[in-house]
Amino acid sequence: YLLEKVRVVQQQEGERSFHIFYQMMAALSAGSCEILKSIVQSDLQSDLQVEMFNYLRASKCFHLDADISEDDAYHQTIDAMRAFGLSDE
């Protein structure tokens, strides 16, 4: 997959890193991110915030003004990946 490496470690103000990072955090907080549930301690899952991660807070843009929640967007992304034949592993 082609990824812009610079977008992972450095963003301009107002520009976010890859949306999947924010979507996964929202899904984890909502209790619906199975991928992260297995690697994040259960007592921390609902307390984690995007702002806690250096790579994600650099742009100071944490949430989108959109009609769809980040949690819902996460599930749509996962469904799309499965439709392309990617496994959950």
N, C-alpha and C. Protein backbone atom coordinates (compact mmCIF):
# COMPACT_ATOMS: atom_id res chain seq x y z
N TYR A 1 0.83 -1.18 0.00
CA TYR A 1 0.00 0.00 0.00
C TYR A 1 0.88 1.24 0.00
N LEU A 2 0.48 2.20 -0.76
CA LEU A 2 1.23 3.44 -0.85
C LEU A 2 0.80 4.37 0.28
N LEU A 3 1.71 4.69 1.15
CA LEU A 3 1.43 5.61 2.25
C LEU A 3 2.43 6.75 2.20
N GLU A 4 1.96 7.93 2.49
CA GLU A 4 2.86 9.06 2.59
C GLU A 4 3.48 9.03 3.97
N LYS A 5 4.75 8.67 4.05
CA LYS A 5 5.42 8.53 5.35
C LYS A 5 5.38 9.83 6.14
N VAL A 6 5.51 10.94 5.47
CA VAL A 6 5.56 12.21 6.18
C VAL A 6 4.25 12.50 6.91
N ARG A 7 3.12 12.00 6.42
CA ARG A 7 1.84 12.25 7.09
C ARG A 7 1.73 11.51 8.41
N VAL A 8 2.50 10.48 8.61
CA VAL A 8 2.46 9.75 9.86
C VAL A 8 3.15 10.54 10.96
N VAL A 9 4.27 11.14 10.67
CA VAL A 9 5.07 11.78 11.71
C VAL A 9 4.96 13.30 11.74
N GLN A 10 4.41 13.91 10.70
CA GLN A 10 4.37 15.36 10.67
C GLN A 10 3.17 15.82 9.85
N GLN A 11 2.37 16.68 10.46
CA GLN A 11 1.23 17.24 9.75
C GLN A 11 1.25 18.75 9.92
N GLN A 12 0.64 19.42 8.97
CA GLN A 12 0.46 20.86 9.13
C GLN A 12 -0.71 21.08 10.07
N GLU A 13 -0.75 22.23 10.70
CA GLU A 13 -1.85 22.51 11.61
C GLU A 13 -3.17 22.43 10.85
N GLY A 14 -4.12 21.73 11.46
CA GLY A 14 -5.43 21.56 10.84
C GLY A 14 -5.54 20.34 9.95
N GLU A 15 -4.41 19.69 9.64
CA GLU A 15 -4.42 18.48 8.82
C GLU A 15 -4.16 17.29 9.72
N ARG A 16 -4.96 16.27 9.56
CA ARG A 16 -4.80 15.08 10.40
C ARG A 16 -3.90 14.06 9.74
N SER A 17 -3.42 13.14 10.56
CA SER A 17 -2.67 12.00 10.05
C SER A 17 -3.68 11.09 9.36
N PHE A 18 -3.37 9.84 9.17
CA PHE A 18 -4.29 8.93 8.50
C PHE A 18 -5.54 8.72 9.35
N HIS A 19 -6.70 8.81 8.72
CA HIS A 19 -7.98 8.76 9.42
C HIS A 19 -8.16 7.48 10.23
N ILE A 20 -7.58 6.39 9.80
CA ILE A 20 -7.79 5.13 10.50
C ILE A 20 -7.30 5.19 11.94
N PHE A 21 -6.25 5.97 12.21
CA PHE A 21 -5.77 6.10 13.59
C PHE A 21 -6.85 6.68 14.49
N TYR A 22 -7.51 7.74 14.02
CA TYR A 22 -8.56 8.40 14.80
C TYR A 22 -9.79 7.50 14.90
N GLN A 23 -10.09 6.80 13.83
CA GLN A 23 -11.23 5.89 13.82
C GLN A 23 -11.02 4.76 14.82
N MET A 24 -9.82 4.22 14.87
CA MET A 24 -9.54 3.13 15.81
C MET A 24 -9.65 3.60 17.25
N MET A 25 -9.19 4.79 17.54
CA MET A 25 -9.28 5.32 18.90
C MET A 25 -10.74 5.52 19.30
N ALA A 26 -11.57 6.03 18.39
CA ALA A 26 -12.98 6.23 18.69
C ALA A 26 -13.67 4.89 18.90
N ALA A 27 -13.36 3.92 18.08
CA ALA A 27 -13.96 2.60 18.22
C ALA A 27 -13.52 1.93 19.51
N LEU A 28 -12.27 2.12 19.90
CA LEU A 28 -11.79 1.55 21.16
C LEU A 28 -12.53 2.18 22.33
N SER A 29 -12.69 3.49 22.32
CA SER A 29 -13.41 4.18 23.40
C SER A 29 -14.86 3.71 23.48
N ALA A 30 -15.44 3.40 22.32
CA ALA A 30 -16.83 2.92 22.27
C ALA A 30 -16.93 1.43 22.61
N GLY A 31 -15.78 0.78 22.75
CA GLY A 31 -15.77 -0.64 23.08
C GLY A 31 -15.99 -1.56 21.89
N SER A 32 -15.78 -1.03 20.68
CA SER A 32 -16.07 -1.85 19.50
C SER A 32 -14.87 -2.07 18.59
N CYS A 33 -13.67 -1.86 19.08
CA CYS A 33 -12.47 -2.07 18.27
C CYS A 33 -11.76 -3.34 18.74
N GLU A 34 -12.08 -4.45 18.13
CA GLU A 34 -11.51 -5.74 18.53
C GLU A 34 -10.00 -5.78 18.31
N ILE A 35 -9.52 -5.09 17.29
CA ILE A 35 -8.09 -5.11 16.97
C ILE A 35 -7.27 -4.56 18.14
N LEU A 36 -7.69 -3.44 18.70
CA LEU A 36 -6.94 -2.83 19.79
C LEU A 36 -7.27 -3.41 21.16
N LYS A 37 -8.45 -4.00 21.30
CA LYS A 37 -8.83 -4.57 22.59
C LYS A 37 -7.81 -5.58 23.08
N SER A 38 -7.23 -6.32 22.16
CA SER A 38 -6.30 -7.38 22.55
C SER A 38 -4.93 -6.84 22.97
N ILE A 39 -4.61 -5.58 22.63
CA ILE A 39 -3.28 -5.05 22.98
C ILE A 39 -3.31 -3.90 23.97
N VAL A 40 -4.49 -3.37 24.28
CA VAL A 40 -4.61 -2.27 25.24
C VAL A 40 -5.28 -2.81 26.50
N GLN A 41 -4.69 -2.50 27.64
CA GLN A 41 -5.25 -2.96 28.90
C GLN A 41 -6.70 -2.52 29.02
N SER A 42 -7.54 -3.41 29.50
CA SER A 42 -8.98 -3.14 29.55
C SER A 42 -9.32 -1.91 30.39
N ASP A 43 -8.58 -1.65 31.46
CA ASP A 43 -8.89 -0.49 32.29
C ASP A 43 -8.50 0.83 31.64
N LEU A 44 -7.73 0.80 30.56
CA LEU A 44 -7.33 2.01 29.85
C LEU A 44 -8.17 2.29 28.61
N GLN A 45 -8.88 1.31 28.12
CA GLN A 45 -9.55 1.43 26.83
C GLN A 45 -10.50 2.62 26.73
N SER A 46 -11.30 2.87 27.73
CA SER A 46 -12.27 3.96 27.63
C SER A 46 -11.64 5.32 27.95
N ASP A 47 -10.43 5.33 28.53
CA ASP A 47 -9.78 6.58 28.90
C ASP A 47 -8.82 7.11 27.85
N LEU A 48 -8.47 6.31 26.88
CA LEU A 48 -7.51 6.75 25.87
C LEU A 48 -8.14 7.83 24.99
N GLN A 49 -7.37 8.87 24.73
CA GLN A 49 -7.81 9.96 23.88
C GLN A 49 -6.77 10.20 22.80
N VAL A 50 -7.21 10.65 21.66
CA VAL A 50 -6.30 10.95 20.55
C VAL A 50 -5.21 11.91 21.01
N GLU A 51 -5.58 12.86 21.85
CA GLU A 51 -4.66 13.90 22.30
C GLU A 51 -3.47 13.34 23.09
N MET A 52 -3.55 12.09 23.53
CA MET A 52 -2.47 11.48 24.31
C MET A 52 -1.31 10.99 23.45
N PHE A 53 -1.48 10.96 22.15
CA PHE A 53 -0.47 10.39 21.26
C PHE A 53 0.24 11.50 20.48
N ASN A 54 1.56 11.53 20.61
CA ASN A 54 2.36 12.59 19.96
C ASN A 54 2.09 12.71 18.48
N TYR A 55 2.05 11.59 17.79
CA TYR A 55 1.86 11.64 16.35
C TYR A 55 0.48 12.14 15.95
N LEU A 56 -0.50 11.94 16.80
CA LEU A 56 -1.86 12.34 16.46
C LEU A 56 -2.22 13.74 16.94
N ARG A 57 -1.53 14.24 17.92
CA ARG A 57 -1.90 15.56 18.44
C ARG A 57 -1.13 16.71 17.80
N ALA A 58 -0.17 16.42 16.96
CA ALA A 58 0.68 17.46 16.37
C ALA A 58 -0.11 18.52 15.61
N SER A 59 -1.16 18.12 14.93
CA SER A 59 -1.90 19.09 14.10
C SER A 59 -2.99 19.82 14.86
N LYS A 60 -3.29 19.35 16.06
CA LYS A 60 -4.35 19.93 16.90
C LYS A 60 -5.74 19.78 16.26
N CYS A 61 -5.86 18.87 15.33
CA CYS A 61 -7.15 18.57 14.70
C CYS A 61 -7.53 17.15 15.12
N PHE A 62 -8.41 17.04 16.11
CA PHE A 62 -8.71 15.74 16.69
C PHE A 62 -10.01 15.13 16.19
N HIS A 63 -10.94 15.95 15.79
CA HIS A 63 -12.25 15.47 15.37
C HIS A 63 -12.68 16.15 14.09
N LEU A 64 -13.39 15.41 13.27
CA LEU A 64 -13.93 15.97 12.03
C LEU A 64 -15.34 16.49 12.26
N ASP A 65 -15.68 17.54 11.56
CA ASP A 65 -17.06 18.01 11.57
C ASP A 65 -17.78 17.27 10.44
N ALA A 66 -18.32 16.13 10.77
CA ALA A 66 -18.95 15.29 9.75
C ALA A 66 -20.23 14.69 10.30
N ASP A 67 -21.04 14.19 9.39
CA ASP A 67 -22.31 13.59 9.77
C ASP A 67 -22.14 12.17 10.31
N ILE A 68 -20.97 11.58 10.12
CA ILE A 68 -20.73 10.21 10.57
C ILE A 68 -19.72 10.22 11.71
N SER A 69 -19.94 9.37 12.68
CA SER A 69 -19.00 9.30 13.79
C SER A 69 -17.73 8.56 13.37
N GLU A 70 -16.65 8.83 14.08
CA GLU A 70 -15.39 8.14 13.79
C GLU A 70 -15.55 6.63 14.02
N ASP A 71 -16.34 6.26 15.03
CA ASP A 71 -16.59 4.84 15.31
C ASP A 71 -17.29 4.18 14.13
N ASP A 72 -18.32 4.83 13.60
CA ASP A 72 -19.03 4.29 12.43
C ASP A 72 -18.10 4.22 11.21
N ALA A 73 -17.28 5.24 11.05
CA ALA A 73 -16.33 5.26 9.93
C ALA A 73 -15.34 4.11 10.05
N TYR A 74 -14.92 3.81 11.28
CA TYR A 74 -14.01 2.68 11.51
C TYR A 74 -14.65 1.38 11.01
N HIS A 75 -15.89 1.15 11.37
CA HIS A 75 -16.56 -0.09 10.96
C HIS A 75 -16.78 -0.14 9.45
N GLN A 76 -17.03 0.99 8.84
CA GLN A 76 -17.14 1.03 7.37
C GLN A 76 -15.80 0.70 6.73
N THR A 77 -14.73 1.22 7.31
CA THR A 77 -13.39 0.95 6.78
C THR A 77 -13.07 -0.54 6.89
N ILE A 78 -13.35 -1.14 8.04
CA ILE A 78 -13.10 -2.57 8.24
C ILE A 78 -13.94 -3.40 7.27
N ASP A 79 -15.20 -3.04 7.10
CA ASP A 79 -16.07 -3.76 6.15
C ASP A 79 -15.51 -3.67 4.73
N ALA A 80 -15.00 -2.49 4.35
CA ALA A 80 -14.42 -2.32 3.01
C ALA A 80 -13.17 -3.18 2.85
N MET A 81 -12.36 -3.24 3.89
CA MET A 81 -11.14 -4.06 3.82
C MET A 81 -11.50 -5.54 3.68
N ARG A 82 -12.52 -5.96 4.40
CA ARG A 82 -12.97 -7.36 4.27
C ARG A 82 -13.51 -7.63 2.88
N ALA A 83 -14.23 -6.66 2.31
CA ALA A 83 -14.77 -6.81 0.96
C ALA A 83 -13.67 -7.01 -0.07
N PHE A 84 -12.49 -6.44 0.20
CA PHE A 84 -11.35 -6.61 -0.68
C PHE A 84 -10.57 -7.89 -0.39
N GLY A 85 -11.03 -8.65 0.60
CA GLY A 85 -10.40 -9.92 0.89
C GLY A 85 -9.33 -9.90 1.96
N LEU A 86 -9.18 -8.77 2.65
CA LEU A 86 -8.20 -8.71 3.73
C LEU A 86 -8.78 -9.43 4.96
N SER A 87 -7.93 -10.20 5.61
CA SER A 87 -8.40 -10.94 6.77
C SER A 87 -8.31 -10.08 8.03
N ASP A 88 -8.92 -10.53 9.09
CA ASP A 88 -8.88 -9.81 10.36
C ASP A 88 -7.54 -10.01 11.09
N GLU A 89 -6.74 -10.86 10.59
CA GLU A 89 -5.46 -11.14 11.26
C GLU A 89 -4.44 -10.17 10.91
